[in-house]
């Protein structure tokens, strides 16, 4: 999934990615532990 790059999101990059990942997994009903 391609996300538009935001210029000033460098500080919150980690949190943002976590949120996006969570949304992505929730959307496709993927178990949290599938990534190992």
PDB file of N, CA and C in Angstrom:
ATOM      1  N   UNK A   1       0.834  -1.188   0.000  1.00  0.00           N
ATOM      2  CA  UNK A   1       0.000   0.000   0.000  1.00  0.00           C
ATOM      3  C   UNK A   1       0.874   1.246   0.000  1.00  0.00           C
ATOM      4  N   UNK A   2       0.625   2.091  -0.942  1.00  0.00           N
ATOM      5  CA  UNK A   2       1.454   3.290  -1.085  1.00  0.00           C
ATOM      6  C   UNK A   2       0.803   4.449  -0.345  1.00  0.00           C
ATOM      7  N   UNK A   3       1.566   5.009   0.578  1.00  0.00           N
ATOM      8  CA  UNK A   3       1.037   6.150   1.320  1.00  0.00           C
ATOM      9  C   UNK A   3       1.725   7.423   0.866  1.00  0.00           C
ATOM     10  N   UNK A   4       0.967   8.497   0.715  1.00  0.00           N
ATOM     11  CA  UNK A   4       1.573   9.774   0.324  1.00  0.00           C
ATOM     12  C   UNK A   4       2.549  10.243   1.383  1.00  0.00           C
ATOM     13  N   UNK A   5       3.705  10.707   0.941  1.00  0.00           N
ATOM     14  CA  UNK A   5       4.724  11.133   1.908  1.00  0.00           C
ATOM     15  C   UNK A   5       4.400  12.535   2.419  1.00  0.00           C
ATOM     16  N   UNK A   6       4.472  12.684   3.726  1.00  0.00           N
ATOM     17  CA  UNK A   6       4.233  14.011   4.310  1.00  0.00           C
ATOM     18  C   UNK A   6       5.565  14.597   4.748  1.00  0.00           C
ATOM     19  N   UNK A   7       5.755  15.875   4.484  1.00  0.00           N
ATOM     20  CA  UNK A   7       7.052  16.488   4.745  1.00  0.00           C
ATOM     21  C   UNK A   7       7.390  16.563   6.228  1.00  0.00           C
ATOM     22  N   UNK A   8       6.416  16.933   7.048  1.00  0.00           N
ATOM     23  CA  UNK A   8       6.760  17.245   8.440  1.00  0.00           C
ATOM     24  C   UNK A   8       6.412  16.112   9.395  1.00  0.00           C
ATOM     25  N   UNK A   9       6.203  14.922   8.866  1.00  0.00           N
ATOM     26  CA  UNK A   9       5.794  13.825   9.750  1.00  0.00           C
ATOM     27  C   UNK A   9       6.995  13.013  10.205  1.00  0.00           C
ATOM     28  N   UNK A  10       8.179  13.593  10.093  1.00  0.00           N
ATOM     29  CA  UNK A  10       9.375  12.830  10.470  1.00  0.00           C
ATOM     30  C   UNK A  10       9.379  12.533  11.960  1.00  0.00           C
ATOM     31  N   UNK A  11       8.874  13.483  12.756  1.00  0.00           N
ATOM     32  CA  UNK A  11       8.916  13.300  14.207  1.00  0.00           C
ATOM     33  C   UNK A  11       7.995  12.174  14.647  1.00  0.00           C
ATOM     34  N   UNK A  12       6.794  12.150  14.064  1.00  0.00           N
ATOM     35  CA  UNK A  12       5.828  11.140  14.500  1.00  0.00           C
ATOM     36  C   UNK A  12       5.804   9.943  13.581  1.00  0.00           C
ATOM     37  N   UNK A  13       6.878   9.753  12.823  1.00  0.00           N
ATOM     38  CA  UNK A  13       6.893   8.670  11.840  1.00  0.00           C
ATOM     39  C   UNK A  13       6.592   7.316  12.489  1.00  0.00           C
ATOM     40  N   UNK A  14       7.260   7.045  13.595  1.00  0.00           N
ATOM     41  CA  UNK A  14       7.086   5.746  14.251  1.00  0.00           C
ATOM     42  C   UNK A  14       5.637   5.509  14.657  1.00  0.00           C
ATOM     43  N   UNK A  15       5.057   6.492  15.330  1.00  0.00           N
ATOM     44  CA  UNK A  15       3.679   6.323  15.790  1.00  0.00           C
ATOM     45  C   UNK A  15       2.739   6.218  14.600  1.00  0.00           C
ATOM     46  N   UNK A  16       2.979   7.047  13.591  1.00  0.00           N
ATOM     47  CA  UNK A  16       2.094   7.046  12.429  1.00  0.00           C
ATOM     48  C   UNK A  16       2.124   5.684  11.755  1.00  0.00           C
ATOM     49  N   UNK A  17       3.337   5.141  11.569  1.00  0.00           N
ATOM     50  CA  UNK A  17       3.462   3.843  10.912  1.00  0.00           C
ATOM     51  C   UNK A  17       2.754   2.759  11.716  1.00  0.00           C
ATOM     52  N   UNK A  18       2.869   2.846  13.026  1.00  0.00           N
ATOM     53  CA  UNK A  18       2.214   1.858  13.881  1.00  0.00           C
ATOM     54  C   UNK A  18       0.695   1.929  13.685  1.00  0.00           C
ATOM     55  N   UNK A  19       0.175   3.142  13.651  1.00  0.00           N
ATOM     56  CA  UNK A  19      -1.265   3.313  13.476  1.00  0.00           C
ATOM     57  C   UNK A  19      -1.700   2.787  12.116  1.00  0.00           C
ATOM     58  N   UNK A  20      -0.950   3.129  11.099  1.00  0.00           N
ATOM     59  CA  UNK A  20      -1.279   2.682   9.744  1.00  0.00           C
ATOM     60  C   UNK A  20      -1.253   1.164   9.676  1.00  0.00           C
ATOM     61  N   UNK A  21      -0.219   0.591  10.276  1.00  0.00           N
ATOM     62  CA  UNK A  21      -0.092  -0.869  10.253  1.00  0.00           C
ATOM     63  C   UNK A  21      -1.277  -1.508  10.969  1.00  0.00           C
ATOM     64  N   UNK A  22      -1.652  -0.932  12.090  1.00  0.00           N
ATOM     65  CA  UNK A  22      -2.777  -1.468  12.851  1.00  0.00           C
ATOM     66  C   UNK A  22      -4.053  -1.403  12.023  1.00  0.00           C
ATOM     67  N   UNK A  23      -4.282  -0.261  11.385  1.00  0.00           N
ATOM     68  CA  UNK A  23      -5.468  -0.117  10.544  1.00  0.00           C
ATOM     69  C   UNK A  23      -5.453  -1.139   9.425  1.00  0.00           C
ATOM     70  N   UNK A  24      -4.289  -1.298   8.798  1.00  0.00           N
ATOM     71  CA  UNK A  24      -4.147  -2.235   7.690  1.00  0.00           C
ATOM     72  C   UNK A  24      -4.484  -3.649   8.138  1.00  0.00           C
ATOM     73  N   UNK A  25      -3.942  -4.045   9.278  1.00  0.00           N
ATOM     74  CA  UNK A  25      -4.171  -5.406   9.768  1.00  0.00           C
ATOM     75  C   UNK A  25      -5.626  -5.579  10.174  1.00  0.00           C
ATOM     76  N   UNK A  26      -6.193  -4.560  10.790  1.00  0.00           N
ATOM     77  CA  UNK A  26      -7.591  -4.646  11.206  1.00  0.00           C
ATOM     78  C   UNK A  26      -8.488  -4.773   9.979  1.00  0.00           C
ATOM     79  N   UNK A  27      -8.134  -4.043   8.944  1.00  0.00           N
ATOM     80  CA  UNK A  27      -8.922  -4.043   7.717  1.00  0.00           C
ATOM     81  C   UNK A  27      -8.983  -5.435   7.109  1.00  0.00           C
ATOM     82  N   UNK A  28      -7.848  -6.126   7.124  1.00  0.00           N
ATOM     83  CA  UNK A  28      -7.797  -7.447   6.502  1.00  0.00           C
ATOM     84  C   UNK A  28      -7.909  -8.573   7.519  1.00  0.00           C
ATOM     85  N   UNK A  29      -8.226  -8.196   8.779  1.00  0.00           N
ATOM     86  CA  UNK A  29      -8.430  -9.215   9.800  1.00  0.00           C
ATOM     87  C   UNK A  29      -7.218 -10.107   9.974  1.00  0.00           C
ATOM     88  N   UNK A  30      -6.044  -9.524   9.984  1.00  0.00           N
ATOM     89  CA  UNK A  30      -4.824 -10.307  10.149  1.00  0.00           C
ATOM     90  C   UNK A  30      -4.446 -10.335  11.633  1.00  0.00           C
ATOM     91  N   UNK A  31      -4.185 -11.508  12.183  1.00  0.00           N
ATOM     92  CA  UNK A  31      -3.777 -11.600  13.582  1.00  0.00           C
ATOM     93  C   UNK A  31      -2.519 -10.787  13.843  1.00  0.00           C
ATOM     94  N   UNK A  32      -2.419 -10.225  15.047  1.00  0.00           N
ATOM     95  CA  UNK A  32      -1.302  -9.357  15.374  1.00  0.00           C
ATOM     96  C   UNK A  32       0.030 -10.102  15.306  1.00  0.00           C
ATOM     97  N   UNK A  33       0.030 -11.383  15.657  1.00  0.00           N
ATOM     98  CA  UNK A  33       1.294 -12.117  15.778  1.00  0.00           C
ATOM     99  C   UNK A  33       1.778 -12.683  14.450  1.00  0.00           C
ATOM    100  N   UNK A  34       1.070 -12.417  13.380  1.00  0.00           N
ATOM    101  CA  UNK A  34       1.437 -13.009  12.096  1.00  0.00           C
ATOM    102  C   UNK A  34       2.809 -12.524  11.645  1.00  0.00           C
ATOM    103  N   UNK A  35       3.196 -11.332  12.129  1.00  0.00           N
ATOM    104  CA  UNK A  35       4.511 -10.771  11.742  1.00  0.00           C
ATOM    105  C   UNK A  35       5.569 -11.203  12.730  1.00  0.00           C
ATOM    106  N   UNK A  36       6.443 -12.096  12.318  1.00  0.00           N
ATOM    107  CA  UNK A  36       7.515 -12.510  13.225  1.00  0.00           C
ATOM    108  C   UNK A  36       8.771 -12.815  12.460  1.00  0.00           C
TER     109      UNK A  36
END
